[in-house]
Amino acid sequence: MPRTARLHVPGGVFHLVSRFVRDEPVLDREGARDHYLQCVGAASANSDTTVLAYCLMSTHVHLVVVQGESPLERFTKSLHTAFARWVNEGRQRRAQGPVFAGRPRTLLVDADEYLLQLVRYVHNNPVRAGVARTARGSAWSSHRAYLGRVEAPEWLRIGYVLGRFGRVASRAAATFDAFVDEGRSEPRRPELSGALDSREASAVRKTMGDGHRVSDGVLGDDVFTSKVRRDAARVEAALSSRGSERRAGPVDRPTARQVIDAVLDHRGLDAIELTERPRSQRSTGVKRLATWVWVHEYEGRQVDIARALGLHTSVVSRHYGEALASAAEYDEEATAVTARLAKRKRRVAKKTAADADGFRVRYHVDVNET
């Protein structure tokens, strides 16, 4: 069966659209937009993803980014986790738990053909929504930063786009502003949001090939899409090769069972607590913390920790959601647990090296005595 995966295209320009669960107007609360931008900056600092433009609507967010060598998911996961933690810690929602409605919709665009159209489209979102008359009239897109009316964040790379409008910054900004203003009456364009219709999606799948079906939209002609397919296949092969080398050597991540044992040690409990009193508050706390450490700290699969705990994956998913709602509290304990696991790993490695040295000494003596 064809696999569904995220495209990994270093240097590719992507449009990311993230929606909040149940279309909640999360960004309408006081300080939410400012904090979201802080989270974007922190996620950018922790990855090599470059942000070109943004627009923060009440119920969803648009980002235009350039992917670096690392997967886009590293950037979006860091961003979403940090912002969801802030929202849930505020206790202003009627229901705690997931803040975002799944992972972002992503669209890879042919930058030569569509980058300028895409940034104009994103900056005009408040105009189409009827909350601003012009793009420069909205405080919650990157348009004002492009015009120099507000200070641009360090992580916002406006020169990537403005450089296409001229070498003199002031003239480029004025030309860019006029270009964006020309598009303010433009209707919604599903193809720029990654919402390809069935015919377009079929054409993309046909060009990409049945062996590499992806969940992202791709906006470009057949030549561009074919190039994406070739580049993606080459990058995937390189990553798979590196993954095989890593699997052949020592594994940095502990096993799910080791994480559970470390959590039990951290909380001063015996494994019997999980088997004889599985519904107790202490047992539930261990399972929740073990799930958080395994999934959040080590990026392990929920199905693996569920198997180790003897639980259904839906129960583990609920544990993770509950831990996410109190992430600050669980992060502190997770740090202690990971430190315990790292210390145990160093102790095992030292013992293994000592045993190996001892074996070599005994073998040398045996040979000499014969």
Protein backbone atom coordinates (compact mmCIF):
# COMPACT_ATOMS: atom_id res chain seq x y z
CA MET A 1 0.00 0.00 0.00
CA PRO A 2 1.43 3.47 -0.82
CA ARG A 3 2.86 5.18 2.24
CA THR A 4 1.73 8.60 3.45
CA ALA A 5 4.52 10.81 4.73
CA ARG A 6 5.61 14.39 5.10
CA LEU A 7 7.78 15.75 2.31
CA HIS A 8 11.37 16.44 3.33
CA VAL A 9 12.68 19.10 0.94
CA PRO A 10 15.59 21.14 2.35
CA GLY A 11 15.33 24.64 0.89
CA GLY A 12 11.67 24.15 -0.02
CA VAL A 13 9.14 26.93 0.63
CA PHE A 14 6.11 25.70 2.59
CA HIS A 15 2.81 27.25 3.61
CA LEU A 16 1.78 25.91 7.04
CA VAL A 17 -1.82 26.31 8.22
CA SER A 18 -2.50 25.35 11.86
CA ARG A 19 -6.06 25.32 13.16
CA PHE A 20 -7.19 25.27 16.78
CA VAL A 21 -9.40 22.43 17.94
CA ARG A 22 -13.13 23.02 17.38
CA ASP A 23 -12.18 26.35 15.72
CA GLU A 24 -11.82 27.96 19.13
CA PRO A 25 -10.77 31.66 18.94
CA VAL A 26 -7.70 30.89 21.03
CA LEU A 27 -5.73 33.91 19.80
CA ASP A 28 -8.42 36.39 20.87
CA ARG A 29 -7.42 36.12 24.52
CA GLU A 30 -5.16 38.80 25.96
CA GLY A 31 -1.49 38.27 25.21
CA ALA A 32 -2.07 35.15 23.10
CA ARG A 33 -0.75 36.51 19.82
CA ASP A 34 2.33 38.00 21.45
CA HIS A 35 3.07 34.71 23.17
CA TYR A 36 2.52 32.73 19.97
CA LEU A 37 5.14 34.87 18.23
CA GLN A 38 7.52 34.25 21.14
CA CYS A 39 6.98 30.52 20.64
CA VAL A 40 7.69 30.89 16.92
CA GLY A 41 10.96 32.59 17.77
CA ALA A 42 11.93 29.85 20.25
CA ALA A 43 11.05 27.08 17.75
CA SER A 44 13.09 28.85 15.06
CA ALA A 45 16.07 29.05 17.40
CA ASN A 46 15.83 25.32 18.07
CA SER A 47 15.68 24.33 14.40
CA ASP A 48 16.99 25.50 11.05
CA THR A 49 13.56 26.42 9.70
CA THR A 50 13.37 30.01 8.43
CA VAL A 51 10.15 32.03 8.79
CA LEU A 52 9.34 34.37 5.88
CA ALA A 53 5.82 35.57 6.77
CA TYR A 54 2.97 35.01 9.20
CA CYS A 55 -0.65 35.89 9.86
CA LEU A 56 -2.35 35.15 13.20
CA MET A 57 -6.12 34.85 12.84
CA SER A 58 -8.38 34.06 15.81
CA THR A 59 -8.95 30.40 15.01
CA HIS A 60 -5.93 29.53 12.89
CA VAL A 61 -2.40 30.57 11.95
CA HIS A 62 -0.58 30.93 8.63
CA LEU A 63 3.20 30.62 8.37
CA VAL A 64 5.38 30.76 5.26
CA VAL A 65 8.67 29.03 5.94
CA VAL A 66 11.77 27.66 4.26
CA GLN A 67 12.71 24.18 5.42
CA GLY A 68 16.28 23.57 6.53
CA GLU A 69 18.06 20.24 6.79
CA SER A 70 15.93 19.10 9.73
CA PRO A 71 12.32 17.92 9.25
CA LEU A 72 9.63 20.58 9.45
CA GLU A 73 7.95 18.50 12.12
CA ARG A 74 10.73 19.39 14.56
CA PHE A 75 9.84 23.07 14.18
CA THR A 76 6.06 22.62 14.35
CA LYS A 77 6.18 20.18 17.26
CA SER A 78 8.33 22.54 19.32
CA LEU A 79 6.04 25.46 18.46
CA HIS A 80 2.77 23.65 19.13
CA THR A 81 3.92 22.02 22.37
CA ALA A 82 5.15 25.29 23.85
CA PHE A 83 2.05 27.27 22.89
CA ALA A 84 -0.40 24.52 23.95
CA ARG A 85 1.35 24.39 27.34
CA TRP A 86 0.88 28.14 27.79
CA VAL A 87 -2.79 27.96 26.80
CA ASN A 88 -3.59 25.07 29.12
CA GLU A 89 -1.67 26.58 32.02
CA GLY A 90 -3.83 29.68 31.67
CA ARG A 91 -6.89 27.60 32.64
CA GLN A 92 -9.08 29.85 30.53
CA ARG A 93 -10.43 27.08 28.34
CA ARG A 94 -13.58 25.21 29.12
CA ALA A 95 -11.86 21.90 28.40
CA GLN A 96 -8.20 21.06 28.89
CA GLY A 97 -6.33 18.86 26.42
CA PRO A 98 -5.33 19.29 22.78
CA VAL A 99 -5.16 22.89 21.59
CA PHE A 100 -4.46 22.27 17.90
CA ALA A 101 -6.71 20.29 15.57
CA GLY A 102 -4.04 17.84 14.44
CA ARG A 103 -0.80 18.58 12.66
CA PRO A 104 -0.59 21.59 10.31
CA ARG A 105 -1.73 21.42 6.70
CA THR A 106 1.38 21.89 4.60
CA LEU A 107 1.78 23.06 1.04
CA LEU A 108 5.09 22.99 -0.83
CA VAL A 109 5.19 25.71 -3.50
CA ASP A 110 7.37 26.45 -6.47
CA ALA A 111 8.99 29.60 -5.04
CA ASP A 112 9.85 31.03 -8.44
CA GLU A 113 6.20 31.00 -9.48
CA TYR A 114 4.20 31.30 -6.27
CA LEU A 115 6.23 32.75 -3.38
CA LEU A 116 5.17 36.36 -3.91
CA GLN A 117 1.56 35.38 -4.54
CA LEU A 118 1.60 33.27 -1.36
CA VAL A 119 2.98 36.01 0.89
CA ARG A 120 0.45 38.49 -0.55
CA TYR A 121 -2.32 35.98 0.04
CA VAL A 122 -1.24 35.38 3.65
CA HIS A 123 -0.89 39.09 4.45
CA ASN A 124 -4.37 39.76 3.04
CA ASN A 125 -6.10 37.17 5.23
CA PRO A 126 -7.41 39.84 7.67
CA VAL A 127 -8.82 41.77 4.68
CA ARG A 128 -10.70 38.73 3.34
CA ALA A 129 -12.01 38.06 6.87
CA GLY A 130 -13.35 41.62 7.08
CA VAL A 131 -11.31 42.60 10.15
CA ALA A 132 -9.09 45.09 8.29
CA ARG A 133 -9.49 47.26 5.20
CA THR A 134 -5.91 46.77 4.05
CA ALA A 135 -3.04 44.48 4.97
CA ARG A 136 -1.17 47.39 6.56
CA GLY A 137 -4.22 47.96 8.80
CA SER A 138 -3.76 44.65 10.63
CA ALA A 139 -1.38 44.36 13.58
CA TRP A 140 -1.26 40.57 13.47
CA SER A 141 0.49 39.76 10.24
CA SER A 142 4.11 40.36 9.29
CA HIS A 143 3.08 43.03 6.76
CA ARG A 144 3.87 46.02 8.99
CA ALA A 145 7.30 44.55 9.73
CA TYR A 146 7.91 44.33 5.99
CA LEU A 147 7.06 48.03 5.69
CA GLY A 148 9.28 49.03 8.61
CA ARG A 149 6.33 50.34 10.63
CA VAL A 150 7.17 47.96 13.50
CA GLU A 151 10.43 46.30 14.41
CA ALA A 152 10.78 42.91 12.72
CA PRO A 153 11.58 39.98 15.03
CA GLU A 154 15.11 38.62 14.65
CA TRP A 155 13.73 35.33 13.36
CA LEU A 156 11.64 36.92 10.55
CA ARG A 157 13.63 36.96 7.32
CA ILE A 158 11.93 39.73 5.33
CA GLY A 159 14.85 40.22 2.95
CA TYR A 160 14.12 36.88 1.28
CA VAL A 161 10.97 38.41 -0.21
CA LEU A 162 11.73 42.15 -0.25
CA GLY A 163 14.93 41.50 -2.17
CA ARG A 164 12.77 40.60 -5.15
CA PHE A 165 11.31 44.13 -5.19
CA GLY A 166 14.56 46.08 -5.31
CA ARG A 167 17.87 46.72 -3.60
CA VAL A 168 16.90 49.93 -1.78
CA ALA A 169 14.92 48.89 1.32
CA SER A 170 12.50 51.82 1.40
CA ARG A 171 11.63 51.52 -2.31
CA ALA A 172 11.32 47.74 -2.08
CA ALA A 173 8.95 48.07 0.87
CA ALA A 174 6.77 50.60 -0.96
CA THR A 175 6.63 48.45 -4.09
CA PHE A 176 5.83 45.37 -1.99
CA ASP A 177 3.03 47.25 -0.17
CA ALA A 178 1.48 48.25 -3.50
CA PHE A 179 1.78 44.66 -4.74
CA VAL A 180 -0.02 43.31 -1.66
CA ASP A 181 -2.69 46.02 -1.85
CA GLU A 182 -3.45 45.01 -5.44
CA GLY A 183 -4.53 41.62 -4.11
CA ARG A 184 -6.85 42.80 -1.32
CA SER A 185 -10.00 42.05 -3.34
CA GLU A 186 -8.68 38.63 -4.35
CA PRO A 187 -11.08 35.83 -3.32
CA ARG A 188 -10.03 32.79 -1.33
CA ARG A 189 -7.63 30.60 -3.32
CA PRO A 190 -7.82 26.99 -2.10
CA GLU A 191 -4.70 26.04 -4.06
CA LEU A 192 -2.60 28.49 -1.99
CA SER A 193 -3.91 26.96 1.24
CA GLY A 194 -3.07 23.42 0.22
CA ALA A 195 -6.75 22.53 -0.19
CA LEU A 196 -6.36 20.84 -3.56
CA ASP A 197 -9.53 19.51 -5.15
CA SER A 198 -9.73 15.85 -6.11
CA ARG A 199 -8.60 16.49 -9.69
CA GLU A 200 -5.53 18.48 -8.62
CA ALA A 201 -4.67 16.01 -5.87
CA SER A 202 -4.91 13.17 -8.37
CA ALA A 203 -2.54 14.99 -10.73
CA VAL A 204 0.00 15.51 -7.95
CA ARG A 205 -0.19 11.84 -6.93
CA LYS A 206 0.24 10.75 -10.52
CA THR A 207 3.35 12.88 -10.97
CA MET A 208 4.82 11.92 -7.59
CA GLY A 209 4.23 8.23 -8.29
CA ASP A 210 2.26 5.61 -6.37
CA GLY A 211 5.37 4.57 -4.48
CA HIS A 212 5.68 7.95 -2.77
CA ARG A 213 2.24 9.28 -1.92
CA VAL A 214 2.50 12.23 0.45
CA SER A 215 0.11 14.07 2.75
CA ASP A 216 1.36 17.51 1.67
CA GLY A 217 0.01 19.56 -1.21
CA VAL A 218 2.45 20.50 -3.97
CA LEU A 219 1.82 23.64 -6.01
CA GLY A 220 3.80 23.86 -9.24
CA ASP A 221 3.88 22.54 -12.77
CA ASP A 222 4.77 18.97 -13.75
CA VAL A 223 8.46 19.85 -14.06
CA PHE A 224 8.55 21.20 -10.49
CA THR A 225 6.57 18.27 -9.08
CA SER A 226 8.82 15.77 -10.82
CA LYS A 227 11.88 17.51 -9.41
CA VAL A 228 10.33 17.38 -5.92
CA ARG A 229 9.76 13.65 -6.36
CA ARG A 230 13.39 13.05 -7.36
CA ASP A 231 14.76 15.26 -4.58
CA ALA A 232 12.49 13.71 -1.97
CA ALA A 233 13.51 10.20 -3.01
CA ARG A 234 17.21 11.14 -2.84
CA VAL A 235 16.86 12.75 0.60
CA GLU A 236 14.77 9.84 1.87
CA ALA A 237 17.41 7.36 0.73
CA ALA A 238 20.14 9.36 2.49
CA LEU A 239 18.11 9.57 5.70
CA SER A 240 17.32 5.85 5.56
CA SER A 241 21.01 5.07 5.11
CA ARG A 242 21.91 7.20 8.12
CA GLY A 243 19.09 5.60 10.07
CA SER A 244 20.45 2.13 9.30
CA GLU A 245 23.89 3.18 10.52
CA ARG A 246 22.41 4.49 13.74
CA ARG A 247 20.42 1.32 14.26
CA ALA A 248 23.51 -0.78 13.75
CA GLY A 249 25.32 1.08 16.58
CA PRO A 250 24.36 1.85 20.20
CA VAL A 251 20.80 3.10 20.65
CA ASP A 252 20.58 6.40 22.58
CA ARG A 253 16.92 6.07 23.50
CA PRO A 254 16.12 3.74 26.41
CA THR A 255 13.49 1.06 26.08
CA ALA A 256 9.93 1.76 27.16
CA ARG A 257 10.42 -0.70 30.03
CA GLN A 258 13.51 1.18 31.22
CA VAL A 259 11.53 4.44 31.20
CA ILE A 260 8.81 2.86 33.33
CA ASP A 261 11.37 1.48 35.80
CA ALA A 262 13.06 4.89 36.04
CA VAL A 263 9.71 6.56 36.77
CA LEU A 264 8.99 3.98 39.47
CA ASP A 265 12.42 4.62 41.03
CA HIS A 266 11.88 8.37 40.82
CA ARG A 267 8.58 8.11 42.68
CA GLY A 268 9.88 5.52 45.14
CA LEU A 269 7.40 2.84 44.09
CA ASP A 270 7.64 -0.87 43.30
CA ALA A 271 6.51 -2.44 40.03
CA ILE A 272 3.92 -4.35 42.01
CA GLU A 273 2.00 -1.07 42.30
CA LEU A 274 1.15 -1.26 38.60
CA THR A 275 -0.02 -4.87 38.65
CA GLU A 276 -1.83 -5.16 42.00
CA ARG A 277 -3.27 -1.63 42.19
CA PRO A 278 -3.57 -0.57 38.53
CA ARG A 279 -6.36 1.96 39.18
CA SER A 280 -4.77 3.65 42.18
CA GLN A 281 -3.83 7.32 41.98
CA ARG A 282 -0.14 6.47 42.36
CA SER A 283 -0.29 3.86 39.59
CA THR A 284 -2.07 6.26 37.24
CA GLY A 285 0.50 8.92 38.01
CA VAL A 286 3.34 6.56 37.07
CA LYS A 287 1.69 5.65 33.78
CA ARG A 288 1.03 9.26 32.92
CA LEU A 289 4.58 10.39 33.70
CA ALA A 290 6.11 7.39 31.87
CA THR A 291 3.99 8.20 28.81
CA TRP A 292 5.06 11.85 28.92
CA VAL A 293 8.77 10.99 29.21
CA TRP A 294 8.62 8.34 26.48
CA VAL A 295 6.62 10.38 23.95
CA HIS A 296 7.69 13.94 24.70
CA GLU A 297 11.32 13.52 25.80
CA TYR A 298 12.38 10.55 23.67
CA GLU A 299 9.89 10.91 20.77
CA GLY A 300 8.84 7.30 21.20
CA ARG A 301 5.66 5.84 19.73
CA GLN A 302 2.58 5.69 21.91
CA VAL A 303 1.96 2.12 20.83
CA ASP A 304 5.29 1.01 22.34
CA ILE A 305 4.70 2.51 25.77
CA ALA A 306 1.13 1.19 25.67
CA ARG A 307 2.46 -2.32 25.05
CA ALA A 308 4.98 -2.01 27.89
CA LEU A 309 2.28 -0.76 30.29
CA GLY A 310 -0.27 -3.31 29.14
CA LEU A 311 -2.73 -0.60 28.12
CA HIS A 312 -4.78 0.21 25.05
CA THR A 313 -3.31 3.02 22.92
CA SER A 314 -6.43 5.14 23.50
CA VAL A 315 -5.72 5.07 27.25
CA VAL A 316 -2.10 6.09 26.66
CA SER A 317 -3.27 8.88 24.36
CA ARG A 318 -5.51 10.15 27.16
CA HIS A 319 -2.60 9.99 29.62
CA TYR A 320 -0.49 12.06 27.24
CA GLY A 321 -3.25 14.65 26.80
CA GLU A 322 -3.67 14.94 30.59
CA ALA A 323 0.09 15.36 31.02
CA LEU A 324 0.12 18.02 28.30
CA ALA A 325 -2.51 19.97 30.25
CA SER A 326 -0.05 20.15 33.18
CA ALA A 327 3.13 20.16 31.11
CA ALA A 328 5.10 22.50 33.41
CA GLU A 329 4.66 20.12 36.31
CA TYR A 330 5.53 17.04 34.26
CA ASP A 331 8.51 18.69 32.58
CA GLU A 332 10.22 19.11 35.97
CA GLU A 333 9.76 15.44 36.83
CA ALA A 334 10.70 14.37 33.30
CA THR A 335 14.05 16.15 33.67
CA ALA A 336 14.75 14.16 36.83
CA VAL A 337 13.75 10.88 35.15
CA THR A 338 15.89 11.47 32.05
CA ALA A 339 18.84 12.39 34.28
CA ARG A 340 18.35 9.11 36.16
CA LEU A 341 18.26 7.18 32.87
CA ALA A 342 21.40 8.94 31.60
CA LYS A 343 23.23 8.13 34.83
CA ARG A 344 22.18 4.50 34.58
CA LYS A 345 23.35 4.36 30.98
CA ARG A 346 26.79 5.72 31.92
CA ARG A 347 27.04 3.17 34.75
CA VAL A 348 26.14 0.29 32.41
CA ALA A 349 28.60 1.52 29.77
CA LYS A 350 31.38 1.73 32.37
CA LYS A 351 30.65 -1.78 33.66
CA THR A 352 30.58 -3.14 30.10
CA ALA A 353 33.96 -1.58 29.36
CA ALA A 354 35.41 -2.99 32.60
CA ASP A 355 34.07 -6.47 31.80
CA ALA A 356 35.60 -6.28 28.35
CA ASP A 357 38.98 -5.28 29.79
CA GLY A 358 38.77 -8.12 32.30
CA PHE A 359 37.99 -10.59 29.56
CA ARG A 360 40.98 -9.44 27.53
CA VAL A 361 43.26 -9.81 30.56
CA ARG A 362 42.03 -13.32 31.33
CA TYR A 363 42.36 -14.34 27.70
CA HIS A 364 45.94 -13.03 27.57
CA VAL A 365 46.91 -14.95 30.72
CA ASP A 366 45.31 -18.16 29.47
CA VAL A 367 47.29 -17.98 26.26
CA ASN A 368 50.57 -17.39 28.06
CA GLU A 369 49.98 -20.28 30.46
CA THR A 370 49.38 -22.75 27.66
